[in-house]
Amino acid sequence: MKKHIYHQLGVIIKESEQLMSSLHVKNYCLLCELDELHKTFQQLQAQASSYYLQAYLSEYTPHYEVLSKVIQELAKHKHGGLIVIERKDPLKGLLQNGVQINAELTESLLESIFYPGNPLHDGAVLISGTRIVSAANVLPLSIKNSGTKMGTRHRAALGITEKTDAIALVVSEETGKMSFAIDGGLYPFSSD
């Protein structure tokens, strides 16, 4: 993975140098080139985020691949989702109105919780180790990002990670984009 990131950074540097050398050309469209460079940066950020997400989760749940598959499936169908993985900090006092599940974490159970129309799909699922602890949890919302255009799931993911060391996985119902929150920051990730 690191080799790939170094390669991508090399590509970005090369493209940036080409941009700089082309600025004096009369009919050169800088905006088009900047858009392509921006896309390359986004791809690189998503790939690096996927790598680090696995590293952050591996100590706390052996089910990184299950979570990854579920998030990808939700994204493919634009089914919104919010999954919180408990790490060292206990989360019980910060969650409200959750329905106890206390079941082994499986792909099919997790996907079915987020199926539209399911009464549990509109809240966060809490994962601890290998178990789905609860669903339909209400999380504290981030107040830092209240002025930006951000959905409730994303603000909840940020809110729980601002107060704890938890990791929150989010799928946007509107765009199908996947991201994760940690330490009050939100990062896109890819399915690669």
Protein backbone atom coordinates (compact mmCIF):
# COMPACT_ATOMS: atom_id res chain seq x y z
CA MET A 1 0.00 0.00 0.00
CA LYS A 2 2.77 2.44 0.90
CA LYS A 3 4.45 1.79 -2.46
CA HIS A 4 1.23 2.69 -4.22
CA ILE A 5 0.87 5.89 -2.19
CA TYR A 6 4.46 6.90 -2.99
CA HIS A 7 3.78 6.23 -6.67
CA GLN A 8 0.58 8.33 -6.58
CA LEU A 9 2.44 11.17 -4.84
CA GLY A 10 5.07 11.00 -7.59
CA VAL A 11 2.32 11.31 -10.21
CA ILE A 12 0.86 14.32 -8.39
CA ILE A 13 4.27 16.01 -8.22
CA LYS A 14 4.89 15.36 -11.93
CA GLU A 15 1.44 16.71 -12.88
CA SER A 16 2.00 19.79 -10.70
CA GLU A 17 5.32 20.49 -12.40
CA GLN A 18 3.64 20.17 -15.81
CA LEU A 19 0.95 22.60 -14.68
CA MET A 20 3.53 25.13 -13.58
CA SER A 21 5.47 24.89 -16.84
CA SER A 22 2.27 25.28 -18.90
CA LEU A 23 0.96 28.40 -17.20
CA HIS A 24 2.54 30.72 -19.77
CA VAL A 25 0.87 28.95 -22.75
CA LYS A 26 -1.85 31.23 -24.16
CA ASN A 27 -4.72 28.73 -24.72
CA TYR A 28 -3.98 26.56 -21.70
CA CYS A 29 -6.97 25.65 -19.51
CA LEU A 30 -5.67 25.63 -15.94
CA LEU A 31 -9.10 24.90 -14.44
CA CYS A 32 -9.44 21.61 -16.33
CA GLU A 33 -6.02 20.46 -15.16
CA LEU A 34 -6.69 21.48 -11.56
CA ASP A 35 -9.90 19.46 -11.62
CA GLU A 36 -7.97 16.34 -12.70
CA LEU A 37 -5.32 16.97 -10.05
CA HIS A 38 -8.06 17.35 -7.43
CA LYS A 39 -9.53 13.97 -8.45
CA THR A 40 -6.12 12.35 -8.11
CA PHE A 41 -5.74 13.83 -4.61
CA GLN A 42 -9.18 12.53 -3.63
CA GLN A 43 -8.34 9.02 -4.86
CA LEU A 44 -5.08 9.07 -2.95
CA GLN A 45 -6.81 10.26 0.22
CA ALA A 46 -9.47 7.54 -0.07
CA GLN A 47 -6.87 4.80 -0.57
CA ALA A 48 -4.74 6.00 2.34
CA SER A 49 -7.86 6.27 4.52
CA SER A 50 -8.79 2.65 3.74
CA TYR A 51 -5.34 1.51 4.80
CA TYR A 52 -5.40 3.47 8.05
CA LEU A 53 -8.99 2.48 8.83
CA GLN A 54 -7.98 -1.18 8.77
CA ALA A 55 -5.06 -0.40 11.07
CA TYR A 56 -7.33 1.49 13.50
CA LEU A 57 -9.92 -1.30 13.61
CA SER A 58 -7.78 -4.44 13.66
CA GLU A 59 -6.99 -4.22 17.38
CA TYR A 60 -10.65 -3.81 18.36
CA THR A 61 -12.55 -6.10 16.01
CA PRO A 62 -11.44 -8.99 13.81
CA HIS A 63 -14.33 -8.20 11.45
CA TYR A 64 -12.78 -5.42 9.34
CA GLU A 65 -13.60 -7.32 6.13
CA VAL A 66 -17.24 -7.86 7.16
CA LEU A 67 -17.63 -4.18 8.00
CA SER A 68 -15.96 -3.19 4.74
CA LYS A 69 -18.27 -5.43 2.67
CA VAL A 70 -21.39 -4.11 4.43
CA ILE A 71 -20.34 -0.48 3.95
CA GLN A 72 -19.64 -1.14 0.25
CA GLU A 73 -23.02 -2.82 -0.19
CA LEU A 74 -24.83 0.05 1.54
CA ALA A 75 -22.93 2.55 -0.63
CA LYS A 76 -23.76 0.65 -3.82
CA HIS A 77 -27.50 0.88 -3.08
CA LYS A 78 -27.32 4.33 -1.44
CA HIS A 79 -28.67 2.94 1.81
CA GLY A 80 -27.52 5.30 4.55
CA GLY A 81 -25.68 3.78 7.45
CA LEU A 82 -23.84 4.67 10.63
CA ILE A 83 -21.74 2.08 12.45
CA VAL A 84 -19.82 2.93 15.61
CA ILE A 85 -16.98 0.68 16.71
CA GLU A 86 -16.18 0.91 20.39
CA ARG A 87 -12.49 0.98 21.23
CA LYS A 88 -11.09 1.77 24.70
CA ASP A 89 -13.61 4.41 25.83
CA PRO A 90 -16.99 3.02 26.97
CA LEU A 91 -19.88 4.48 24.96
CA LYS A 92 -22.95 3.48 26.98
CA GLY A 93 -23.44 6.88 28.65
CA LEU A 94 -23.30 8.74 25.33
CA LEU A 95 -25.85 6.68 23.38
CA GLN A 96 -29.61 7.18 23.67
CA ASN A 97 -32.66 5.07 22.77
CA GLY A 98 -30.78 2.07 21.41
CA VAL A 99 -32.50 -1.27 20.88
CA GLN A 100 -30.44 -4.10 22.37
CA ILE A 101 -29.33 -6.66 19.76
CA ASN A 102 -26.47 -8.50 21.47
CA ALA A 103 -25.76 -10.77 18.50
CA GLU A 104 -22.70 -12.03 16.66
CA LEU A 105 -21.58 -9.55 13.99
CA THR A 106 -22.52 -10.95 10.57
CA GLU A 107 -22.78 -9.36 7.16
CA SER A 108 -26.42 -10.30 6.64
CA LEU A 109 -27.60 -9.07 10.05
CA LEU A 110 -25.81 -5.75 9.72
CA GLU A 111 -27.09 -5.18 6.18
CA SER A 112 -30.66 -6.02 7.21
CA ILE A 113 -30.55 -3.44 10.02
CA PHE A 114 -29.86 -0.67 7.50
CA TYR A 115 -32.41 -1.80 4.94
CA PRO A 116 -34.76 1.16 4.25
CA GLY A 117 -38.03 0.78 6.08
CA ASN A 118 -36.52 -1.32 8.86
CA PRO A 119 -37.43 0.40 12.15
CA LEU A 120 -33.77 0.20 13.27
CA HIS A 121 -32.15 1.73 10.17
CA ASP A 122 -32.30 5.38 11.19
CA GLY A 123 -29.83 5.27 14.05
CA ALA A 124 -26.32 4.11 14.74
CA VAL A 125 -25.32 0.50 15.24
CA LEU A 126 -22.87 -0.09 18.08
CA ILE A 127 -20.20 -2.75 17.55
CA SER A 128 -18.01 -3.99 20.38
CA GLY A 129 -15.45 -6.64 19.49
CA THR A 130 -17.29 -9.35 17.59
CA ARG A 131 -20.82 -8.33 18.68
CA ILE A 132 -23.56 -6.04 17.47
CA VAL A 133 -24.49 -4.54 20.83
CA SER A 134 -27.41 -2.33 19.80
CA ALA A 135 -29.08 -0.52 16.91
CA ALA A 136 -31.13 2.64 16.41
CA ASN A 137 -28.84 4.53 18.79
CA VAL A 138 -28.95 8.32 18.92
CA LEU A 139 -25.50 9.87 19.16
CA PRO A 140 -24.39 13.33 20.27
CA LEU A 141 -24.14 15.67 17.27
CA SER A 142 -21.02 17.65 16.50
CA ILE A 143 -21.49 21.35 17.09
CA LYS A 144 -18.20 22.27 15.40
CA ASN A 145 -19.59 21.51 11.95
CA SER A 146 -23.15 22.75 12.40
CA GLY A 147 -22.65 25.60 9.92
CA THR A 148 -21.54 23.35 7.07
CA LYS A 149 -23.79 21.36 4.77
CA MET A 150 -23.55 18.00 6.47
CA GLY A 151 -26.17 15.38 7.17
CA THR A 152 -27.19 14.16 10.60
CA ARG A 153 -25.33 10.84 10.22
CA HIS A 154 -22.08 12.64 9.52
CA ARG A 155 -22.58 15.11 12.38
CA ALA A 156 -23.35 12.19 14.71
CA ALA A 157 -20.22 10.34 13.56
CA LEU A 158 -18.15 13.42 14.27
CA GLY A 159 -19.93 14.03 17.58
CA ILE A 160 -19.18 10.59 19.03
CA THR A 161 -15.55 10.74 17.87
CA GLU A 162 -15.07 14.20 19.36
CA LYS A 163 -16.02 12.81 22.78
CA THR A 164 -14.46 9.30 22.61
CA ASP A 165 -11.84 7.23 20.83
CA ALA A 166 -14.55 5.36 18.86
CA ILE A 167 -14.47 5.02 15.09
CA ALA A 168 -17.65 5.69 13.12
CA LEU A 169 -18.29 4.38 9.60
CA VAL A 170 -20.78 6.42 7.56
CA VAL A 171 -22.53 5.90 4.25
CA SER A 172 -24.35 8.87 2.77
CA GLU A 173 -27.91 8.07 1.75
CA GLU A 174 -27.80 10.97 -0.71
CA THR A 175 -24.51 10.22 -2.51
CA GLY A 176 -23.54 6.70 -1.46
CA LYS A 177 -20.09 7.97 -0.45
CA MET A 178 -18.29 6.13 2.34
CA SER A 179 -16.30 7.83 5.07
CA PHE A 180 -15.07 7.24 8.57
CA ALA A 181 -14.72 9.52 11.57
CA ILE A 182 -11.97 9.41 14.15
CA ASP A 183 -10.79 12.05 16.64
CA GLY A 184 -13.41 14.50 15.36
CA GLY A 185 -12.24 14.30 11.72
CA LEU A 186 -14.10 12.84 8.74
CA TYR A 187 -12.25 10.96 5.99
CA PRO A 188 -13.51 9.42 2.73
CA PHE A 189 -12.43 5.91 1.91
CA SER A 190 -12.58 3.65 -1.09
CA SER A 191 -13.55 0.02 -1.52
CA ASP A 192 -10.08 -0.93 -2.80
